[in-house]
Amino acid sequence: MTNNDILSKAARRSGMTVPENYFDDLSRRIAASLPPQPWEQAPAAPARRTRWQAVRPYVYLAAMFLGIWCMMQMFDLMRTPASYELSSNQSLMSAIHNDAFYFDYCTSSTDETDLYDELYEEGFDPASLTSDHSSTPSL
């Protein structure tokens, strides 16, 4: 059996048929069966807005700006001041006036002999320091 015999036996029919001129008036029949659409009807008179509906956008806008202003005030309160005076901070002043705190945290704990030993180990020459300021270049 060749390929041509199979096609002739099937006659290219799938079993589905459509009546003559079915698609010619299909769109008219579908449109007639649909219910009427709102845009096809006569426009109704618009409903009257209440006072709140008229004022509501402006109230929301004012509330938004008030919220932004409050947020900026909070950011300003959280900001650290640019200049800080020690005398205005009582706890810091009492700590500085406390001798034990001052000597433990504010003064150097390095002994002078330790400093000299470290300088000599690094190759520092004390003769490089002169009291003659005339050799120093002037600006």
N, C-alpha and C. Protein backbone atom coordinates (compact mmCIF):
# COMPACT_ATOMS: atom_id res chain seq x y z
N MET A 1 0.85 -1.16 0.00
CA MET A 1 0.00 0.00 0.00
C MET A 1 0.90 1.23 0.00
N THR A 2 0.66 2.11 -0.86
CA THR A 2 1.48 3.31 -0.95
C THR A 2 0.81 4.46 -0.22
N ASN A 3 1.53 5.52 -0.18
CA ASN A 3 1.06 6.71 0.53
C ASN A 3 -0.19 7.29 -0.15
N ASN A 4 -0.28 7.23 -1.43
CA ASN A 4 -1.43 7.79 -2.15
C ASN A 4 -2.71 7.02 -1.85
N ASP A 5 -2.61 5.73 -1.64
CA ASP A 5 -3.79 4.93 -1.35
C ASP A 5 -4.39 5.29 0.01
N ILE A 6 -3.52 5.58 0.96
CA ILE A 6 -4.01 5.94 2.31
C ILE A 6 -4.77 7.26 2.26
N LEU A 7 -4.23 8.24 1.55
CA LEU A 7 -4.90 9.54 1.46
C LEU A 7 -6.23 9.44 0.73
N SER A 8 -6.30 8.59 -0.26
CA SER A 8 -7.55 8.46 -0.98
C SER A 8 -8.60 7.74 -0.14
N LYS A 9 -8.20 6.81 0.72
CA LYS A 9 -9.14 6.12 1.58
C LYS A 9 -9.68 7.05 2.67
N ALA A 10 -8.79 7.91 3.19
CA ALA A 10 -9.23 8.83 4.24
C ALA A 10 -10.03 9.98 3.66
N ALA A 11 -9.82 10.27 2.43
CA ALA A 11 -10.52 11.34 1.71
C ALA A 11 -10.38 12.68 2.42
N ARG A 12 -9.39 12.75 3.21
CA ARG A 12 -9.07 14.00 3.93
C ARG A 12 -10.27 14.54 4.71
N ARG A 13 -11.01 13.69 5.26
CA ARG A 13 -12.14 14.11 6.08
C ARG A 13 -11.82 13.75 7.53
N SER A 14 -12.01 14.70 8.41
CA SER A 14 -11.75 14.44 9.82
C SER A 14 -13.01 14.05 10.56
N GLY A 15 -14.12 14.09 9.90
CA GLY A 15 -15.37 13.76 10.55
C GLY A 15 -16.12 14.98 11.03
N MET A 16 -15.51 16.15 11.02
CA MET A 16 -16.15 17.38 11.46
C MET A 16 -16.59 18.17 10.23
N THR A 17 -17.82 18.56 10.21
CA THR A 17 -18.31 19.36 9.10
C THR A 17 -19.06 20.57 9.64
N VAL A 18 -19.08 21.62 8.85
CA VAL A 18 -19.75 22.87 9.22
C VAL A 18 -20.80 23.14 8.14
N PRO A 19 -21.99 23.56 8.55
CA PRO A 19 -23.02 23.84 7.54
C PRO A 19 -22.57 24.95 6.58
N GLU A 20 -23.18 24.98 5.43
CA GLU A 20 -22.86 25.99 4.42
C GLU A 20 -23.16 27.39 4.97
N ASN A 21 -22.26 28.36 4.73
CA ASN A 21 -22.40 29.79 5.10
C ASN A 21 -22.56 29.97 6.62
N TYR A 22 -22.00 29.08 7.39
CA TYR A 22 -22.11 29.18 8.87
C TYR A 22 -21.35 30.39 9.39
N PHE A 23 -20.14 30.64 8.91
CA PHE A 23 -19.31 31.73 9.42
C PHE A 23 -19.66 33.07 8.80
N ASP A 24 -20.52 33.12 7.82
CA ASP A 24 -20.88 34.39 7.19
C ASP A 24 -21.64 35.30 8.14
N ASP A 25 -22.59 34.79 8.88
CA ASP A 25 -23.38 35.63 9.78
C ASP A 25 -23.17 35.28 11.26
N LEU A 26 -22.03 34.64 11.57
CA LEU A 26 -21.74 34.23 12.95
C LEU A 26 -21.60 35.43 13.88
N SER A 27 -20.88 36.46 13.49
CA SER A 27 -20.67 37.63 14.36
C SER A 27 -21.98 38.35 14.64
N ARG A 28 -22.90 38.42 13.63
CA ARG A 28 -24.19 39.08 13.84
C ARG A 28 -25.04 38.29 14.84
N ARG A 29 -25.02 36.97 14.77
CA ARG A 29 -25.80 36.15 15.69
C ARG A 29 -25.25 36.22 17.12
N ILE A 30 -23.92 36.28 17.27
CA ILE A 30 -23.32 36.39 18.62
C ILE A 30 -23.66 37.73 19.23
N ALA A 31 -23.55 38.81 18.47
CA ALA A 31 -23.86 40.14 18.99
C ALA A 31 -25.32 40.26 19.39
N ALA A 32 -26.21 39.60 18.65
CA ALA A 32 -27.64 39.66 18.98
C ALA A 32 -27.95 38.89 20.25
N SER A 33 -27.15 37.88 20.58
CA SER A 33 -27.45 37.07 21.76
C SER A 33 -26.87 37.66 23.05
N LEU A 34 -25.98 38.65 22.96
CA LEU A 34 -25.38 39.25 24.16
C LEU A 34 -26.34 40.25 24.80
N PRO A 35 -26.25 40.40 26.15
CA PRO A 35 -27.09 41.42 26.81
C PRO A 35 -26.57 42.81 26.46
N PRO A 36 -27.39 43.84 26.60
CA PRO A 36 -26.94 45.20 26.27
C PRO A 36 -25.82 45.65 27.23
N GLN A 37 -24.85 46.36 26.71
CA GLN A 37 -23.71 46.84 27.49
C GLN A 37 -24.00 48.21 28.08
N PRO A 38 -23.30 48.55 29.20
CA PRO A 38 -23.59 49.84 29.85
C PRO A 38 -23.31 51.03 28.95
N TRP A 39 -22.34 50.96 28.07
CA TRP A 39 -22.03 52.09 27.21
C TRP A 39 -23.05 52.26 26.08
N GLU A 40 -23.86 51.22 25.86
CA GLU A 40 -24.90 51.31 24.86
C GLU A 40 -26.16 51.93 25.43
N GLN A 41 -26.28 51.97 26.74
CA GLN A 41 -27.46 52.54 27.38
C GLN A 41 -27.30 54.04 27.50
N ALA A 42 -28.37 54.72 27.80
CA ALA A 42 -28.35 56.17 27.97
C ALA A 42 -27.59 56.50 29.25
N PRO A 43 -26.69 57.51 29.22
CA PRO A 43 -25.92 57.84 30.42
C PRO A 43 -26.82 58.36 31.54
N ALA A 44 -26.54 57.87 32.74
CA ALA A 44 -27.30 58.32 33.91
C ALA A 44 -26.67 59.59 34.46
N ALA A 45 -27.43 60.35 35.17
CA ALA A 45 -26.91 61.59 35.77
C ALA A 45 -25.90 61.21 36.85
N PRO A 46 -24.74 61.92 36.89
CA PRO A 46 -23.73 61.57 37.91
C PRO A 46 -24.25 61.86 39.32
N ALA A 47 -23.84 61.01 40.26
CA ALA A 47 -24.27 61.18 41.65
C ALA A 47 -23.58 62.40 42.24
N ARG A 48 -24.27 63.10 43.09
CA ARG A 48 -23.72 64.30 43.71
C ARG A 48 -22.72 63.87 44.78
N ARG A 49 -21.53 64.52 44.78
CA ARG A 49 -20.49 64.19 45.75
C ARG A 49 -20.82 64.85 47.09
N THR A 50 -20.47 64.12 48.15
CA THR A 50 -20.67 64.69 49.48
C THR A 50 -19.52 65.66 49.78
N ARG A 51 -19.67 66.39 50.84
CA ARG A 51 -18.63 67.36 51.22
C ARG A 51 -17.33 66.64 51.57
N TRP A 52 -17.42 65.49 52.26
CA TRP A 52 -16.21 64.74 52.61
C TRP A 52 -15.49 64.22 51.36
N GLN A 53 -16.24 63.77 50.37
CA GLN A 53 -15.62 63.30 49.14
C GLN A 53 -14.90 64.43 48.41
N ALA A 54 -15.38 65.64 48.54
CA ALA A 54 -14.74 66.79 47.89
C ALA A 54 -13.49 67.23 48.63
N VAL A 55 -13.50 67.13 49.96
CA VAL A 55 -12.40 67.64 50.79
C VAL A 55 -11.34 66.57 51.05
N ARG A 56 -11.70 65.30 50.90
CA ARG A 56 -10.81 64.19 51.27
C ARG A 56 -9.42 64.25 50.63
N PRO A 57 -9.24 64.54 49.34
CA PRO A 57 -7.87 64.60 48.80
C PRO A 57 -7.00 65.66 49.47
N TYR A 58 -7.60 66.79 49.82
CA TYR A 58 -6.82 67.86 50.48
C TYR A 58 -6.46 67.48 51.91
N VAL A 59 -7.35 66.78 52.60
CA VAL A 59 -7.05 66.33 53.97
C VAL A 59 -5.92 65.31 53.93
N TYR A 60 -5.95 64.38 52.96
CA TYR A 60 -4.89 63.39 52.84
C TYR A 60 -3.55 64.05 52.50
N LEU A 61 -3.59 65.06 51.65
CA LEU A 61 -2.36 65.76 51.29
C LEU A 61 -1.77 66.49 52.50
N ALA A 62 -2.63 67.14 53.29
CA ALA A 62 -2.15 67.83 54.49
C ALA A 62 -1.59 66.82 55.50
N ALA A 63 -2.23 65.68 55.64
CA ALA A 63 -1.73 64.66 56.57
C ALA A 63 -0.37 64.13 56.11
N MET A 64 -0.19 63.99 54.81
CA MET A 64 1.10 63.51 54.30
C MET A 64 2.21 64.52 54.61
N PHE A 65 1.96 65.81 54.37
CA PHE A 65 2.97 66.82 54.67
C PHE A 65 3.24 66.93 56.16
N LEU A 66 2.21 66.76 56.99
CA LEU A 66 2.42 66.78 58.43
C LEU A 66 3.27 65.59 58.86
N GLY A 67 3.06 64.44 58.26
CA GLY A 67 3.88 63.26 58.57
C GLY A 67 5.33 63.47 58.18
N ILE A 68 5.56 64.08 57.02
CA ILE A 68 6.95 64.37 56.59
C ILE A 68 7.59 65.36 57.54
N TRP A 69 6.85 66.38 57.97
CA TRP A 69 7.40 67.37 58.91
C TRP A 69 7.77 66.70 60.24
N CYS A 70 6.90 65.81 60.75
CA CYS A 70 7.19 65.11 62.01
C CYS A 70 8.42 64.21 61.86
N MET A 71 8.54 63.56 60.72
CA MET A 71 9.69 62.70 60.49
C MET A 71 10.98 63.53 60.47
N MET A 72 10.95 64.70 59.84
CA MET A 72 12.14 65.56 59.80
C MET A 72 12.48 66.07 61.21
N GLN A 73 11.47 66.34 62.02
CA GLN A 73 11.73 66.77 63.40
C GLN A 73 12.39 65.65 64.20
N MET A 74 11.96 64.42 63.98
CA MET A 74 12.57 63.29 64.69
C MET A 74 14.02 63.10 64.25
N PHE A 75 14.30 63.24 62.95
CA PHE A 75 15.68 63.13 62.47
C PHE A 75 16.54 64.24 63.08
N ASP A 76 15.96 65.43 63.24
CA ASP A 76 16.71 66.54 63.81
C ASP A 76 17.00 66.28 65.29
N LEU A 77 16.07 65.66 65.99
CA LEU A 77 16.29 65.36 67.41
C LEU A 77 17.34 64.27 67.60
N MET A 78 17.44 63.34 66.66
CA MET A 78 18.40 62.25 66.77
C MET A 78 19.80 62.66 66.32
N ARG A 79 19.91 63.79 65.65
CA ARG A 79 21.21 64.25 65.14
C ARG A 79 22.09 64.68 66.30
N THR A 80 23.39 64.35 66.23
CA THR A 80 24.32 64.77 67.26
C THR A 80 24.73 66.20 66.97
N PRO A 81 24.91 67.00 68.00
CA PRO A 81 25.31 68.39 67.76
C PRO A 81 26.72 68.46 67.19
N ALA A 82 26.96 69.50 66.39
CA ALA A 82 28.26 69.64 65.74
C ALA A 82 29.35 70.01 66.76
N SER A 83 29.05 70.90 67.65
CA SER A 83 30.03 71.27 68.68
C SER A 83 29.53 70.77 70.02
N TYR A 84 30.47 70.29 70.82
CA TYR A 84 30.09 69.70 72.09
C TYR A 84 30.94 70.32 73.19
N GLU A 85 30.29 70.92 74.16
CA GLU A 85 31.01 71.52 75.27
C GLU A 85 31.09 70.52 76.42
N LEU A 86 32.29 70.35 76.97
CA LEU A 86 32.46 69.41 78.07
C LEU A 86 31.75 69.86 79.33
N SER A 87 31.69 71.15 79.53
CA SER A 87 31.10 71.64 80.78
C SER A 87 29.60 71.36 80.83
N SER A 88 28.94 71.14 79.70
CA SER A 88 27.51 70.88 79.72
C SER A 88 27.18 69.43 80.08
N ASN A 89 28.17 68.54 80.02
CA ASN A 89 27.95 67.13 80.35
C ASN A 89 28.45 66.89 81.77
N GLN A 90 27.53 66.77 82.71
CA GLN A 90 27.89 66.65 84.13
C GLN A 90 28.60 65.33 84.44
N SER A 91 28.18 64.24 83.81
CA SER A 91 28.82 62.95 84.12
C SER A 91 30.25 62.92 83.60
N LEU A 92 30.50 63.53 82.45
CA LEU A 92 31.86 63.58 81.92
C LEU A 92 32.75 64.47 82.79
N MET A 93 32.21 65.58 83.23
CA MET A 93 32.99 66.49 84.08
C MET A 93 33.32 65.83 85.42
N SER A 94 32.38 65.08 85.99
CA SER A 94 32.67 64.42 87.27
C SER A 94 33.72 63.33 87.07
N ALA A 95 33.73 62.66 85.90
CA ALA A 95 34.74 61.64 85.63
C ALA A 95 36.11 62.27 85.45
N ILE A 96 36.20 63.42 84.80
CA ILE A 96 37.50 64.08 84.61
C ILE A 96 38.04 64.60 85.93
N HIS A 97 37.15 65.06 86.81
CA HIS A 97 37.61 65.56 88.11
C HIS A 97 37.97 64.43 89.08
N ASN A 98 37.63 63.21 88.72
CA ASN A 98 37.99 62.06 89.54
C ASN A 98 39.43 61.68 89.18
N ASP A 99 40.35 61.73 90.17
CA ASP A 99 41.76 61.50 89.90
C ASP A 99 42.03 60.08 89.39
N ALA A 100 41.36 59.10 89.95
CA ALA A 100 41.59 57.72 89.53
C ALA A 100 41.20 57.53 88.06
N PHE A 101 40.05 58.07 87.67
CA PHE A 101 39.62 57.98 86.26
C PHE A 101 40.59 58.72 85.35
N TYR A 102 40.99 59.90 85.75
CA TYR A 102 41.89 60.71 84.92
C TYR A 102 43.21 59.99 84.68
N PHE A 103 43.82 59.46 85.71
CA PHE A 103 45.12 58.81 85.55
C PHE A 103 45.00 57.46 84.81
N ASP A 104 43.84 56.80 84.93
CA ASP A 104 43.67 55.52 84.24
C ASP A 104 43.38 55.68 82.75
N TYR A 105 42.59 56.70 82.40
CA TYR A 105 42.12 56.78 81.03
C TYR A 105 42.60 58.01 80.25
N CYS A 106 43.01 59.05 80.91
CA CYS A 106 43.35 60.29 80.20
C CYS A 106 44.84 60.53 80.07
N THR A 107 45.63 59.93 80.88
CA THR A 107 47.07 60.14 80.79
C THR A 107 47.73 58.93 80.17
N SER A 108 48.90 59.14 79.65
CA SER A 108 49.63 58.05 79.00
C SER A 108 50.18 57.11 80.06
N SER A 109 50.07 55.83 79.81
CA SER A 109 50.61 54.84 80.75
C SER A 109 52.02 54.41 80.35
N THR A 110 52.59 55.05 79.33
CA THR A 110 53.93 54.69 78.88
C THR A 110 54.97 55.41 79.73
N ASP A 111 55.92 54.66 80.19
CA ASP A 111 57.01 55.23 80.98
C ASP A 111 58.03 55.86 80.04
N GLU A 112 58.70 56.93 80.48
CA GLU A 112 59.67 57.63 79.62
C GLU A 112 60.84 56.71 79.25
N THR A 113 61.27 55.89 80.16
CA THR A 113 62.40 55.01 79.85
C THR A 113 62.01 53.99 78.77
N ASP A 114 60.79 53.52 78.83
CA ASP A 114 60.32 52.60 77.78
C ASP A 114 60.32 53.30 76.42
N LEU A 115 59.91 54.57 76.41
CA LEU A 115 59.90 55.34 75.17
C LEU A 115 61.30 55.54 74.63
N TYR A 116 62.26 55.90 75.52
CA TYR A 116 63.66 56.08 75.08
C TYR A 116 64.24 54.77 74.55
N ASP A 117 63.97 53.67 75.23
CA ASP A 117 64.48 52.37 74.78
C ASP A 117 63.95 52.02 73.39
N GLU A 118 62.68 52.27 73.18
CA GLU A 118 62.09 51.96 71.88
C GLU A 118 62.68 52.84 70.77
N LEU A 119 62.93 54.12 71.07
CA LEU A 119 63.54 55.01 70.08
C LEU A 119 64.95 54.55 69.73
N TYR A 120 65.74 54.14 70.73
CA TYR A 120 67.11 53.66 70.46
C TYR A 120 67.09 52.38 69.64
N GLU A 121 66.12 51.50 69.90
CA GLU A 121 66.03 50.26 69.14
C GLU A 121 65.70 50.52 67.67
N GLU A 122 64.95 51.58 67.40
CA GLU A 122 64.61 51.92 66.03
C GLU A 122 65.71 52.70 65.32
N GLY A 123 66.76 53.05 66.03
CA GLY A 123 67.88 53.74 65.41
C GLY A 123 67.82 55.25 65.51
N PHE A 124 67.10 55.77 66.49
CA PHE A 124 67.01 57.22 66.67
C PHE A 124 68.34 57.75 67.20
N ASP A 125 68.83 58.84 66.61
CA ASP A 125 70.07 59.46 67.03
C ASP A 125 69.73 60.76 67.75
N PRO A 126 70.00 60.86 69.06
CA PRO A 126 69.67 62.09 69.79
C PRO A 126 70.49 63.29 69.31
N ALA A 127 71.63 63.04 68.64
CA ALA A 127 72.44 64.15 68.15
C ALA A 127 71.74 64.87 67.00
N SER A 128 70.74 64.22 66.40
CA SER A 128 70.02 64.88 65.30
C SER A 128 69.17 66.03 65.81
N LEU A 129 68.89 66.02 67.09
CA LEU A 129 68.14 67.13 67.67
C LEU A 129 69.11 68.22 68.10
N THR A 130 68.98 69.36 67.53
CA THR A 130 69.85 70.48 67.89
C THR A 130 69.00 71.60 68.42
N SER A 131 69.58 72.38 69.27
CA SER A 131 68.87 73.54 69.81
C SER A 131 69.03 74.74 68.90
N ASP A 132 69.83 74.60 67.85
CA ASP A 132 70.04 75.69 66.91
C ASP A 132 68.91 75.69 65.89
N HIS A 133 68.07 76.70 65.96
CA HIS A 133 66.92 76.80 65.08
C HIS A 133 67.26 77.50 63.77
N SER A 134 68.51 77.95 63.61
CA SER A 134 68.87 78.65 62.38
C SER A 134 68.98 77.70 61.20
N SER A 135 69.20 76.39 61.46
CA SER A 135 69.32 75.43 60.37
C SER A 135 67.95 74.97 59.86
N THR A 136 66.93 75.32 60.58
CA THR A 136 65.58 74.94 60.16
C THR A 136 65.13 75.88 59.04
N PRO A 137 64.68 75.33 57.92
CA PRO A 137 64.24 76.21 56.83
C PRO A 137 62.98 76.98 57.24
N SER A 138 62.94 78.20 56.83
CA SER A 138 61.77 79.05 57.17
C SER A 138 60.75 78.95 56.06
N LEU A 139 59.54 79.12 56.43
CA LEU A 139 58.45 79.05 55.45
C LEU A 139 58.32 80.39 54.85
